[in-house]
Amino acid sequence: MLVGVLVGAISGVSGVAGCRPVLVDRAWWWLAPAGAVLGGLTALVVDGGWWVAAAFAVVAGTAPALAVVDVLVHRLPFPVTIPVGLVSLGCFSAAAVTEGGGGRLVRAVVAAVVVGAVFLVISLASRGGLGLGDVVLAAVLALSLGWVSWRAVWGGMLAGLVAAAIVTAIAGYQRYERFPLGPFLIFGWLTIVYFG
């Protein structure tokens, strides 16, 4: 838990700092503590050693800031998403070495590549309807879900996309309107991490 809270706090502050151009209003002060709490709770519920807990906590710690920024400006900043992916990959690599999870690491990397490629094709086909920030976030989330299982990967992506579809239908979004997908991808990830 302590590792999760520490990593969650660091990633929560880093997430807010990386999103700073958008989050300049003091009203968003709560995002860093929210990231710390979510990181700590996430570290408690995942199976594995402290490297695995840290990998999940770093993703969870930045989730509140990323979700809010995507809702506000429809962007998921690369200065946050790419380092989160690299730190997660480093933590999972350390876990594979120290805990003997080489197969899990391979599955996680393949899941990130496959999901990233699928989202990239959709992004290119939609001509900007799906941003590259969503592509990177989907790959990062698939990396950690891939550590768990293929079922977790597809369940998390499906849960996020179904939630997004429901909200777009209820809210009456038109095809040409911008829509923040990031919070829904994060929702799908959290659903699988906590309840999958």
N, C-alpha and C. Protein backbone atom coordinates (compact mmCIF):
# COMPACT_ATOMS: atom_id res chain seq x y z
N MET A 1 0.84 -1.20 0.00
CA MET A 1 0.00 0.00 0.00
C MET A 1 0.87 1.25 0.00
N LEU A 2 1.92 1.27 0.83
CA LEU A 2 2.78 2.45 0.92
C LEU A 2 3.44 2.74 -0.42
N VAL A 3 3.90 1.68 -1.11
CA VAL A 3 4.50 1.87 -2.43
C VAL A 3 3.46 2.46 -3.37
N GLY A 4 2.24 1.94 -3.33
CA GLY A 4 1.17 2.44 -4.19
C GLY A 4 0.85 3.89 -3.92
N VAL A 5 0.78 4.27 -2.63
CA VAL A 5 0.49 5.66 -2.29
C VAL A 5 1.63 6.56 -2.74
N LEU A 6 2.88 6.12 -2.52
CA LEU A 6 4.03 6.92 -2.96
C LEU A 6 4.05 7.09 -4.47
N VAL A 7 3.91 5.97 -5.18
CA VAL A 7 3.92 6.05 -6.64
C VAL A 7 2.70 6.81 -7.14
N GLY A 8 1.55 6.58 -6.52
CA GLY A 8 0.34 7.31 -6.89
C GLY A 8 0.49 8.80 -6.67
N ALA A 9 1.10 9.18 -5.53
CA ALA A 9 1.32 10.60 -5.24
C ALA A 9 2.26 11.24 -6.25
N ILE A 10 3.35 10.54 -6.55
CA ILE A 10 4.31 11.07 -7.52
C ILE A 10 3.67 11.18 -8.89
N SER A 11 2.96 10.14 -9.30
CA SER A 11 2.34 10.19 -10.63
C SER A 11 1.17 11.16 -10.66
N GLY A 12 0.46 11.31 -9.55
CA GLY A 12 -0.63 12.30 -9.49
C GLY A 12 -0.10 13.71 -9.67
N VAL A 13 0.98 14.03 -8.96
CA VAL A 13 1.61 15.35 -9.10
C VAL A 13 2.20 15.50 -10.50
N SER A 14 2.85 14.45 -11.01
CA SER A 14 3.42 14.50 -12.35
C SER A 14 2.34 14.67 -13.40
N GLY A 15 1.22 13.98 -13.21
CA GLY A 15 0.11 14.10 -14.16
C GLY A 15 -0.43 15.52 -14.20
N VAL A 16 -0.59 16.12 -13.02
CA VAL A 16 -1.05 17.50 -12.96
C VAL A 16 -0.01 18.43 -13.56
N ALA A 17 1.27 18.19 -13.26
CA ALA A 17 2.33 19.04 -13.80
C ALA A 17 2.41 18.91 -15.32
N GLY A 18 2.27 17.71 -15.84
CA GLY A 18 2.31 17.52 -17.28
C GLY A 18 1.12 18.13 -17.99
N CYS A 19 0.03 18.28 -17.28
CA CYS A 19 -1.18 18.88 -17.84
C CYS A 19 -1.30 20.35 -17.46
N ARG A 20 -0.26 20.91 -16.87
CA ARG A 20 -0.30 22.26 -16.31
C ARG A 20 -0.80 23.34 -17.26
N PRO A 21 -0.44 23.33 -18.53
CA PRO A 21 -0.96 24.40 -19.38
C PRO A 21 -2.49 24.46 -19.38
N VAL A 22 -3.14 23.34 -19.17
CA VAL A 22 -4.60 23.31 -19.13
C VAL A 22 -5.11 23.54 -17.72
N LEU A 23 -4.42 22.95 -16.75
CA LEU A 23 -4.90 22.97 -15.36
C LEU A 23 -4.27 24.11 -14.57
N VAL A 24 -4.32 25.34 -15.09
CA VAL A 24 -3.71 26.47 -14.39
C VAL A 24 -4.62 27.03 -13.32
N ASP A 25 -5.89 26.72 -13.37
CA ASP A 25 -6.83 27.21 -12.38
C ASP A 25 -6.64 26.44 -11.07
N ARG A 26 -6.66 27.14 -9.96
CA ARG A 26 -6.47 26.50 -8.65
C ARG A 26 -7.60 25.54 -8.30
N ALA A 27 -8.68 25.58 -9.04
CA ALA A 27 -9.80 24.69 -8.77
C ALA A 27 -9.45 23.22 -8.98
N TRP A 28 -8.33 22.97 -9.63
CA TRP A 28 -7.95 21.59 -9.93
C TRP A 28 -6.90 21.05 -8.96
N TRP A 29 -6.73 21.68 -7.82
CA TRP A 29 -5.73 21.26 -6.83
C TRP A 29 -5.96 19.82 -6.38
N TRP A 30 -7.19 19.37 -6.39
CA TRP A 30 -7.55 18.06 -5.86
C TRP A 30 -7.11 16.88 -6.73
N LEU A 31 -6.65 17.16 -7.95
CA LEU A 31 -6.29 16.06 -8.84
C LEU A 31 -5.07 15.27 -8.35
N ALA A 32 -4.08 15.95 -7.79
CA ALA A 32 -2.89 15.23 -7.29
C ALA A 32 -3.25 14.33 -6.11
N PRO A 33 -3.98 14.83 -5.08
CA PRO A 33 -4.37 13.90 -4.01
C PRO A 33 -5.29 12.78 -4.50
N ALA A 34 -6.16 13.09 -5.46
CA ALA A 34 -7.04 12.05 -6.01
C ALA A 34 -6.19 10.97 -6.69
N GLY A 35 -5.14 11.39 -7.39
CA GLY A 35 -4.24 10.43 -8.01
C GLY A 35 -3.52 9.58 -6.99
N ALA A 36 -3.11 10.21 -5.88
CA ALA A 36 -2.42 9.46 -4.81
C ALA A 36 -3.35 8.41 -4.20
N VAL A 37 -4.58 8.79 -3.94
CA VAL A 37 -5.54 7.85 -3.35
C VAL A 37 -5.85 6.72 -4.33
N LEU A 38 -6.13 7.09 -5.59
CA LEU A 38 -6.44 6.06 -6.58
C LEU A 38 -5.25 5.13 -6.80
N GLY A 39 -4.03 5.70 -6.83
CA GLY A 39 -2.84 4.87 -6.96
C GLY A 39 -2.68 3.91 -5.80
N GLY A 40 -2.89 4.41 -4.59
CA GLY A 40 -2.77 3.56 -3.40
C GLY A 40 -3.81 2.45 -3.37
N LEU A 41 -5.05 2.80 -3.69
CA LEU A 41 -6.12 1.79 -3.71
C LEU A 41 -5.87 0.75 -4.79
N THR A 42 -5.41 1.22 -5.93
CA THR A 42 -5.14 0.29 -7.03
C THR A 42 -4.00 -0.66 -6.66
N ALA A 43 -2.98 -0.14 -5.99
CA ALA A 43 -1.87 -1.00 -5.55
C ALA A 43 -2.35 -2.08 -4.59
N LEU A 44 -3.39 -1.78 -3.83
CA LEU A 44 -3.93 -2.77 -2.89
C LEU A 44 -4.67 -3.91 -3.58
N VAL A 45 -5.33 -3.61 -4.70
CA VAL A 45 -6.19 -4.63 -5.30
C VAL A 45 -5.50 -5.51 -6.34
N VAL A 46 -4.33 -5.09 -6.84
CA VAL A 46 -3.69 -5.90 -7.88
C VAL A 46 -2.88 -7.03 -7.24
N ASP A 47 -2.83 -8.14 -7.95
CA ASP A 47 -2.02 -9.27 -7.50
C ASP A 47 -0.60 -9.11 -8.02
N GLY A 48 0.36 -9.43 -7.20
CA GLY A 48 1.75 -9.35 -7.60
C GLY A 48 2.57 -8.62 -6.55
N GLY A 49 3.84 -8.54 -6.82
CA GLY A 49 4.76 -7.87 -5.91
C GLY A 49 4.68 -6.36 -6.02
N TRP A 50 5.64 -5.71 -5.40
CA TRP A 50 5.55 -4.25 -5.37
C TRP A 50 5.89 -3.62 -6.71
N TRP A 51 6.62 -4.31 -7.60
CA TRP A 51 6.85 -3.77 -8.95
C TRP A 51 5.54 -3.71 -9.73
N VAL A 52 4.75 -4.75 -9.61
CA VAL A 52 3.45 -4.78 -10.29
C VAL A 52 2.53 -3.72 -9.69
N ALA A 53 2.53 -3.62 -8.37
CA ALA A 53 1.72 -2.59 -7.71
C ALA A 53 2.13 -1.19 -8.17
N ALA A 54 3.42 -0.97 -8.30
CA ALA A 54 3.91 0.33 -8.75
C ALA A 54 3.49 0.61 -10.19
N ALA A 55 3.54 -0.41 -11.04
CA ALA A 55 3.15 -0.23 -12.45
C ALA A 55 1.68 0.18 -12.56
N PHE A 56 0.83 -0.48 -11.80
CA PHE A 56 -0.60 -0.13 -11.83
C PHE A 56 -0.85 1.22 -11.15
N ALA A 57 -0.12 1.49 -10.08
CA ALA A 57 -0.32 2.75 -9.35
C ALA A 57 0.08 3.96 -10.19
N VAL A 58 1.10 3.82 -11.02
CA VAL A 58 1.52 4.96 -11.83
C VAL A 58 0.45 5.30 -12.87
N VAL A 59 -0.19 4.29 -13.41
CA VAL A 59 -1.29 4.55 -14.36
C VAL A 59 -2.47 5.16 -13.63
N ALA A 60 -2.84 4.57 -12.50
CA ALA A 60 -3.99 5.08 -11.74
C ALA A 60 -3.73 6.49 -11.21
N GLY A 61 -2.50 6.78 -10.84
CA GLY A 61 -2.18 8.09 -10.28
C GLY A 61 -2.36 9.23 -11.26
N THR A 62 -2.13 8.96 -12.53
CA THR A 62 -2.29 10.01 -13.54
C THR A 62 -3.70 10.05 -14.13
N ALA A 63 -4.50 9.03 -13.85
CA ALA A 63 -5.83 8.92 -14.46
C ALA A 63 -6.73 10.13 -14.19
N PRO A 64 -6.82 10.64 -12.96
CA PRO A 64 -7.72 11.79 -12.75
C PRO A 64 -7.34 13.01 -13.59
N ALA A 65 -6.05 13.34 -13.63
CA ALA A 65 -5.62 14.51 -14.41
C ALA A 65 -5.87 14.29 -15.90
N LEU A 66 -5.56 13.10 -16.40
CA LEU A 66 -5.77 12.82 -17.82
C LEU A 66 -7.25 12.89 -18.18
N ALA A 67 -8.10 12.34 -17.34
CA ALA A 67 -9.54 12.36 -17.62
C ALA A 67 -10.07 13.79 -17.67
N VAL A 68 -9.69 14.60 -16.70
CA VAL A 68 -10.17 15.99 -16.65
C VAL A 68 -9.66 16.78 -17.85
N VAL A 69 -8.40 16.64 -18.19
CA VAL A 69 -7.85 17.38 -19.33
C VAL A 69 -8.54 16.96 -20.62
N ASP A 70 -8.79 15.67 -20.78
CA ASP A 70 -9.46 15.22 -22.01
C ASP A 70 -10.87 15.79 -22.11
N VAL A 71 -11.57 15.85 -21.00
CA VAL A 71 -12.91 16.43 -21.00
C VAL A 71 -12.85 17.93 -21.32
N LEU A 72 -11.86 18.62 -20.75
CA LEU A 72 -11.77 20.07 -20.94
C LEU A 72 -11.32 20.48 -22.34
N VAL A 73 -10.28 19.84 -22.86
CA VAL A 73 -9.70 20.30 -24.13
C VAL A 73 -9.57 19.20 -25.18
N HIS A 74 -10.09 18.02 -24.91
CA HIS A 74 -10.05 16.92 -25.87
C HIS A 74 -8.63 16.58 -26.30
N ARG A 75 -7.74 16.54 -25.31
CA ARG A 75 -6.34 16.15 -25.57
C ARG A 75 -5.86 15.28 -24.42
N LEU A 76 -5.01 14.35 -24.76
CA LEU A 76 -4.30 13.54 -23.77
C LEU A 76 -2.82 13.81 -24.00
N PRO A 77 -2.20 14.63 -23.15
CA PRO A 77 -0.84 15.11 -23.42
C PRO A 77 0.21 14.00 -23.41
N PHE A 78 1.01 13.97 -24.49
CA PHE A 78 2.10 13.00 -24.59
C PHE A 78 3.11 13.13 -23.45
N PRO A 79 3.38 14.36 -22.93
CA PRO A 79 4.33 14.44 -21.81
C PRO A 79 3.87 13.70 -20.55
N VAL A 80 2.62 13.27 -20.53
CA VAL A 80 2.13 12.45 -19.41
C VAL A 80 1.99 11.00 -19.85
N THR A 81 1.30 10.75 -20.96
CA THR A 81 0.99 9.37 -21.34
C THR A 81 2.23 8.54 -21.71
N ILE A 82 3.16 9.13 -22.43
CA ILE A 82 4.34 8.36 -22.85
C ILE A 82 5.22 7.99 -21.64
N PRO A 83 5.56 8.94 -20.73
CA PRO A 83 6.33 8.52 -19.55
C PRO A 83 5.60 7.50 -18.69
N VAL A 84 4.28 7.61 -18.58
CA VAL A 84 3.53 6.61 -17.80
C VAL A 84 3.71 5.23 -18.42
N GLY A 85 3.63 5.16 -19.74
CA GLY A 85 3.83 3.88 -20.42
C GLY A 85 5.23 3.34 -20.22
N LEU A 86 6.23 4.22 -20.30
CA LEU A 86 7.62 3.78 -20.14
C LEU A 86 7.90 3.33 -18.70
N VAL A 87 7.39 4.07 -17.73
CA VAL A 87 7.58 3.68 -16.32
C VAL A 87 6.87 2.35 -16.05
N SER A 88 5.66 2.20 -16.57
CA SER A 88 4.94 0.94 -16.39
C SER A 88 5.72 -0.22 -17.01
N LEU A 89 6.23 -0.01 -18.21
CA LEU A 89 7.01 -1.05 -18.87
C LEU A 89 8.25 -1.39 -18.05
N GLY A 90 8.91 -0.38 -17.50
CA GLY A 90 10.07 -0.62 -16.64
C GLY A 90 9.70 -1.42 -15.40
N CYS A 91 8.59 -1.06 -14.77
CA CYS A 91 8.15 -1.80 -13.57
C CYS A 91 7.78 -3.24 -13.90
N PHE A 92 7.07 -3.43 -15.02
CA PHE A 92 6.72 -4.80 -15.41
C PHE A 92 7.96 -5.60 -15.78
N SER A 93 8.94 -4.96 -16.40
CA SER A 93 10.20 -5.65 -16.73
C SER A 93 10.92 -6.08 -15.45
N ALA A 94 10.95 -5.18 -14.47
CA ALA A 94 11.58 -5.53 -13.18
C ALA A 94 10.82 -6.66 -12.51
N ALA A 95 9.49 -6.63 -12.59
CA ALA A 95 8.68 -7.71 -12.01
C ALA A 95 8.96 -9.02 -12.72
N ALA A 96 9.12 -8.98 -14.03
CA ALA A 96 9.41 -10.21 -14.78
C ALA A 96 10.74 -10.81 -14.36
N VAL A 97 11.73 -9.95 -14.10
CA VAL A 97 13.05 -10.44 -13.69
C VAL A 97 13.01 -10.95 -12.26
N THR A 98 12.40 -10.19 -11.35
CA THR A 98 12.44 -10.55 -9.93
C THR A 98 11.40 -11.59 -9.54
N GLU A 99 10.28 -11.63 -10.25
CA GLU A 99 9.19 -12.53 -9.87
C GLU A 99 8.97 -13.65 -10.88
N GLY A 100 9.77 -13.66 -11.94
CA GLY A 100 9.66 -14.73 -12.93
C GLY A 100 8.44 -14.65 -13.82
N GLY A 101 8.07 -13.47 -14.23
CA GLY A 101 6.89 -13.31 -15.09
C GLY A 101 7.23 -12.95 -16.52
N GLY A 102 8.17 -13.65 -17.12
CA GLY A 102 8.58 -13.35 -18.49
C GLY A 102 7.44 -13.49 -19.49
N GLY A 103 6.63 -14.52 -19.33
CA GLY A 103 5.48 -14.73 -20.22
C GLY A 103 4.46 -13.62 -20.09
N ARG A 104 4.26 -13.17 -18.87
CA ARG A 104 3.32 -12.06 -18.64
C ARG A 104 3.82 -10.78 -19.29
N LEU A 105 5.14 -10.55 -19.21
CA LEU A 105 5.71 -9.36 -19.83
C LEU A 105 5.53 -9.38 -21.34
N VAL A 106 5.78 -10.54 -21.94
CA VAL A 106 5.60 -10.66 -23.39
C VAL A 106 4.13 -10.41 -23.76
N ARG A 107 3.21 -11.00 -23.02
CA ARG A 107 1.79 -10.79 -23.29
C ARG A 107 1.42 -9.33 -23.13
N ALA A 108 1.95 -8.66 -22.11
CA ALA A 108 1.64 -7.25 -21.88
C ALA A 108 2.13 -6.38 -23.03
N VAL A 109 3.34 -6.63 -23.49
CA VAL A 109 3.91 -5.84 -24.60
C VAL A 109 3.13 -6.11 -25.89
N VAL A 110 2.83 -7.37 -26.15
CA VAL A 110 2.05 -7.71 -27.35
C VAL A 110 0.67 -7.06 -27.28
N ALA A 111 0.05 -7.08 -26.12
CA ALA A 111 -1.27 -6.45 -25.96
C ALA A 111 -1.19 -4.96 -26.24
N ALA A 112 -0.16 -4.29 -25.74
CA ALA A 112 0.00 -2.86 -25.99
C ALA A 112 0.19 -2.58 -27.47
N VAL A 113 0.99 -3.40 -28.13
CA VAL A 113 1.24 -3.21 -29.57
C VAL A 113 -0.04 -3.46 -30.38
N VAL A 114 -0.74 -4.54 -30.07
CA VAL A 114 -1.95 -4.88 -30.83
C VAL A 114 -3.03 -3.82 -30.63
N VAL A 115 -3.30 -3.46 -29.39
CA VAL A 115 -4.33 -2.45 -29.12
C VAL A 115 -3.92 -1.10 -29.71
N GLY A 116 -2.65 -0.75 -29.54
CA GLY A 116 -2.18 0.50 -30.13
C GLY A 116 -2.33 0.51 -31.64
N ALA A 117 -2.02 -0.61 -32.29
CA ALA A 117 -2.15 -0.70 -33.75
C ALA A 117 -3.61 -0.60 -34.19
N VAL A 118 -4.50 -1.28 -33.48
CA VAL A 118 -5.93 -1.21 -33.81
C VAL A 118 -6.44 0.22 -33.66
N PHE A 119 -6.10 0.88 -32.56
CA PHE A 119 -6.54 2.26 -32.35
C PHE A 119 -5.90 3.21 -33.36
N LEU A 120 -4.66 2.93 -33.77
CA LEU A 120 -4.00 3.77 -34.77
C LEU A 120 -4.72 3.66 -36.12
N VAL A 121 -5.08 2.45 -36.51
CA VAL A 121 -5.82 2.26 -37.77
C VAL A 121 -7.15 3.00 -37.70
N ILE A 122 -7.84 2.89 -36.58
CA ILE A 122 -9.12 3.61 -36.41
C ILE A 122 -8.87 5.12 -36.48
N SER A 123 -7.82 5.58 -35.84
CA SER A 123 -7.49 7.01 -35.85
C SER A 123 -7.23 7.51 -37.27
N LEU A 124 -6.46 6.77 -38.03
CA LEU A 124 -6.15 7.16 -39.40
C LEU A 124 -7.39 7.11 -40.29
N ALA A 125 -8.21 6.08 -40.08
CA ALA A 125 -9.43 5.94 -40.88
C ALA A 125 -10.46 7.02 -40.54
N SER A 126 -10.46 7.46 -39.31
CA SER A 126 -11.46 8.46 -38.88
C SER A 126 -11.02 9.89 -39.19
N ARG A 127 -9.82 10.06 -39.70
CA ARG A 127 -9.30 11.37 -40.09
C ARG A 127 -9.43 12.39 -38.96
N GLY A 128 -8.89 12.03 -37.82
CA GLY A 128 -8.88 12.95 -36.69
C GLY A 128 -10.02 12.75 -35.72
N GLY A 129 -10.93 11.83 -36.02
CA GLY A 129 -12.03 11.58 -35.10
C GLY A 129 -11.56 10.93 -33.80
N LEU A 130 -10.49 10.18 -33.91
CA LEU A 130 -9.85 9.57 -32.75
C LEU A 130 -8.43 10.10 -32.72
N GLY A 131 -8.08 10.79 -31.64
CA GLY A 131 -6.77 11.42 -31.57
C GLY A 131 -5.65 10.45 -31.23
N LEU A 132 -4.43 10.87 -31.51
CA LEU A 132 -3.27 10.04 -31.19
C LEU A 132 -3.07 9.89 -29.69
N GLY A 133 -3.54 10.86 -28.91
CA GLY A 133 -3.50 10.72 -27.46
C GLY A 133 -4.31 9.53 -26.99
N ASP A 134 -5.46 9.32 -27.63
CA ASP A 134 -6.29 8.16 -27.31
C ASP A 134 -5.58 6.87 -27.69
N VAL A 135 -4.86 6.90 -28.80
CA VAL A 135 -4.11 5.72 -29.25
C VAL A 135 -3.05 5.35 -28.22
N VAL A 136 -2.28 6.35 -27.78
CA VAL A 136 -1.21 6.10 -26.80
C VAL A 136 -1.81 5.64 -25.47
N LEU A 137 -2.87 6.30 -25.03
CA LEU A 137 -3.50 5.90 -23.76
C LEU A 137 -4.02 4.47 -23.84
N ALA A 138 -4.67 4.11 -24.94
CA ALA A 138 -5.18 2.74 -25.09
C ALA A 138 -4.03 1.73 -25.01
N ALA A 139 -2.91 2.04 -25.64
CA ALA A 139 -1.75 1.13 -25.59
C ALA A 139 -1.20 1.01 -24.18
N VAL A 140 -1.12 2.13 -23.46
CA VAL A 140 -0.62 2.12 -22.07
C VAL A 140 -1.54 1.29 -21.18
N LEU A 141 -2.84 1.49 -21.33
CA LEU A 141 -3.79 0.73 -20.52
C LEU A 141 -3.75 -0.75 -20.88
N ALA A 142 -3.59 -1.06 -22.16
CA ALA A 142 -3.51 -2.46 -22.59
C ALA A 142 -2.24 -3.12 -22.06
N LEU A 143 -1.16 -2.35 -21.91
CA LEU A 143 0.07 -2.90 -21.34
C LEU A 143 -0.18 -3.47 -19.96
N SER A 144 -0.82 -2.67 -19.10
CA SER A 144 -1.05 -3.16 -17.74
C SER A 144 -2.13 -4.24 -17.69
N LEU A 145 -3.17 -4.11 -18.50
CA LEU A 145 -4.18 -5.17 -18.53
C LEU A 145 -3.60 -6.45 -19.13
N GLY A 146 -2.67 -6.30 -20.06
CA GLY A 146 -2.03 -7.47 -20.66
C GLY A 146 -1.19 -8.25 -19.66
N TRP A 147 -0.70 -7.56 -18.64
CA TRP A 147 0.03 -8.26 -17.58
C TRP A 147 -0.89 -9.25 -16.88
N VAL A 148 -2.19 -8.90 -16.81
CA VAL A 148 -3.17 -9.75 -16.13
C VAL A 148 -3.60 -10.90 -17.04
N SER A 149 -4.17 -10.58 -18.21
CA SER A 149 -4.63 -11.62 -19.14
C SER A 149 -5.16 -10.96 -20.42
N TRP A 150 -5.33 -11.79 -21.45
CA TRP A 150 -5.95 -11.28 -22.68
C TRP A 150 -7.41 -10.91 -22.42
N ARG A 151 -8.05 -11.70 -21.59
CA ARG A 151 -9.45 -11.41 -21.25
C ARG A 151 -9.57 -10.03 -20.61
N ALA A 152 -8.63 -9.68 -19.76
CA ALA A 152 -8.64 -8.36 -19.12
C ALA A 152 -8.45 -7.26 -20.16
N VAL A 153 -7.58 -7.49 -21.14
CA VAL A 153 -7.35 -6.49 -22.19
C VAL A 153 -8.64 -6.21 -22.94
N TRP A 154 -9.24 -7.27 -23.47
CA TRP A 154 -10.44 -7.07 -24.29
C TRP A 154 -11.61 -6.61 -23.44
N GLY A 155 -11.71 -7.10 -22.21
CA GLY A 155 -12.78 -6.65 -21.32
C GLY A 155 -12.67 -5.18 -20.98
N GLY A 156 -11.44 -4.72 -20.70
CA GLY A 156 -11.24 -3.31 -20.38
C GLY A 156 -11.53 -2.39 -21.55
N MET A 157 -11.04 -2.77 -22.73
CA MET A 157 -11.30 -1.95 -23.91
C MET A 157 -12.78 -1.93 -24.23
N LEU A 158 -13.41 -3.10 -24.18
CA LEU A 158 -14.84 -3.20 -24.48
C LEU A 158 -15.68 -2.40 -23.48
N ALA A 159 -15.36 -2.51 -22.19
CA ALA A 159 -16.11 -1.77 -21.17
C ALA A 159 -16.02 -0.26 -21.42
N GLY A 160 -14.83 0.21 -21.76
CA GLY A 160 -14.65 1.63 -22.02
C GLY A 160 -15.40 2.09 -23.26
N LEU A 161 -15.32 1.31 -24.33
CA LEU A 161 -15.98 1.69 -25.58
C LEU A 161 -17.49 1.60 -25.48
N VAL A 162 -18.00 0.61 -24.75
CA VAL A 162 -19.45 0.51 -24.56
C VAL A 162 -19.95 1.68 -23.72
N ALA A 163 -19.23 2.02 -22.66
CA ALA A 163 -19.62 3.18 -21.85
C ALA A 163 -19.62 4.46 -22.68
N ALA A 164 -18.62 4.62 -23.54
CA ALA A 164 -18.56 5.81 -24.42
C ALA A 164 -19.73 5.82 -25.38
N ALA A 165 -20.07 4.66 -25.94
CA ALA A 165 -21.19 4.58 -26.88
C ALA A 165 -22.51 4.94 -26.19
N ILE A 166 -22.69 4.46 -24.98
CA ILE A 166 -23.91 4.75 -24.23
C ILE A 166 -24.02 6.25 -23.96
N VAL A 167 -22.93 6.86 -23.51
CA VAL A 167 -22.96 8.30 -23.21
C VAL A 167 -23.19 9.13 -24.48
N THR A 168 -22.55 8.74 -25.57
CA THR A 168 -22.75 9.50 -26.81
C THR A 168 -24.20 9.40 -27.28
N ALA A 169 -24.80 8.22 -27.11
CA ALA A 169 -26.19 8.06 -27.53
C ALA A 169 -27.13 8.86 -26.63
N ILE A 170 -26.90 8.80 -25.33
CA ILE A 170 -27.77 9.52 -24.39
C ILE A 170 -27.60 11.03 -24.52
N ALA A 171 -26.36 11.47 -24.67
CA ALA A 171 -26.08 12.91 -24.75
C ALA A 171 -26.38 13.49 -26.13
N GLY A 172 -26.60 12.64 -27.11
CA GLY A 172 -26.95 13.11 -28.44
C GLY A 172 -25.78 13.69 -29.22
N TYR A 173 -24.59 13.16 -28.99
CA TYR A 173 -23.43 13.61 -29.76
C TYR A 173 -23.63 13.27 -31.23
N GLN A 174 -23.25 14.19 -32.07
CA GLN A 174 -23.30 13.96 -33.51
C GLN A 174 -21.94 13.42 -33.97
N ARG A 175 -21.91 12.82 -35.11
CA ARG A 175 -20.70 12.19 -35.61
C ARG A 175 -19.53 13.16 -35.73
N TYR A 176 -19.80 14.39 -36.07
CA TYR A 176 -18.73 15.37 -36.29
C TYR A 176 -18.28 16.07 -35.02
N GLU A 177 -18.96 15.86 -33.92
CA GLU A 177 -18.60 16.54 -32.67
C GLU A 177 -17.42 15.85 -32.00
N ARG A 178 -16.59 16.64 -31.34
CA ARG A 178 -15.45 16.10 -30.59
C ARG A 178 -15.96 15.44 -29.31
N PHE A 179 -15.36 14.33 -28.98
CA PHE A 179 -15.79 13.56 -27.82
C PHE A 179 -14.57 13.05 -27.07
N PRO A 180 -14.51 13.27 -25.76
CA PRO A 180 -13.35 12.80 -24.98
C PRO A 180 -13.45 11.29 -24.69
N LEU A 181 -12.66 10.50 -25.38
CA LEU A 181 -12.69 9.05 -25.19
C LEU A 181 -11.85 8.61 -24.00
N GLY A 182 -10.82 9.38 -23.66
CA GLY A 182 -9.89 9.01 -22.59
C GLY A 182 -10.56 8.62 -21.28
N PRO A 183 -11.50 9.43 -20.76
CA PRO A 183 -12.13 9.05 -19.49
C PRO A 183 -12.85 7.70 -19.55
N PHE A 184 -13.35 7.35 -20.71
CA PHE A 184 -14.06 6.07 -20.84
C PHE A 184 -13.08 4.90 -20.95
N LEU A 185 -11.95 5.12 -21.61
CA LEU A 185 -10.92 4.09 -21.62
C LEU A 185 -10.41 3.85 -20.20
N ILE A 186 -10.23 4.94 -19.46
CA ILE A 186 -9.79 4.82 -18.05
C ILE A 186 -10.86 4.10 -17.23
N PHE A 187 -12.13 4.43 -17.47
CA PHE A 187 -13.23 3.75 -16.78
C PHE A 187 -13.17 2.24 -17.04
N GLY A 188 -12.97 1.84 -18.30
CA GLY A 188 -12.88 0.42 -18.63
C GLY A 188 -11.71 -0.25 -17.93
N TRP A 189 -10.57 0.46 -17.89
CA TRP A 189 -9.38 -0.06 -17.22
C TRP A 189 -9.66 -0.26 -15.73
N LEU A 190 -10.22 0.78 -15.10
CA LEU A 190 -10.53 0.69 -13.66
C LEU A 190 -11.54 -0.41 -13.37
N THR A 191 -12.52 -0.58 -14.25
CA THR A 191 -13.53 -1.61 -14.05
C THR A 191 -12.88 -2.99 -14.00
N ILE A 192 -11.97 -3.26 -14.91
CA ILE A 192 -11.30 -4.57 -14.93
C ILE A 192 -10.34 -4.71 -13.75
N VAL A 193 -9.59 -3.65 -13.45
CA VAL A 193 -8.64 -3.72 -12.34
C VAL A 193 -9.34 -3.99 -11.02
N TYR A 194 -10.47 -3.32 -10.80
CA TYR A 194 -11.15 -3.45 -9.52
C TYR A 194 -12.16 -4.60 -9.45
N PHE A 195 -12.80 -4.91 -10.58
CA PHE A 195 -13.87 -5.89 -10.54
C PHE A 195 -13.67 -7.09 -11.46
N GLY A 196 -12.61 -7.03 -12.29
CA GLY A 196 -12.40 -8.11 -13.27
C GLY A 196 -11.70 -9.23 -12.66
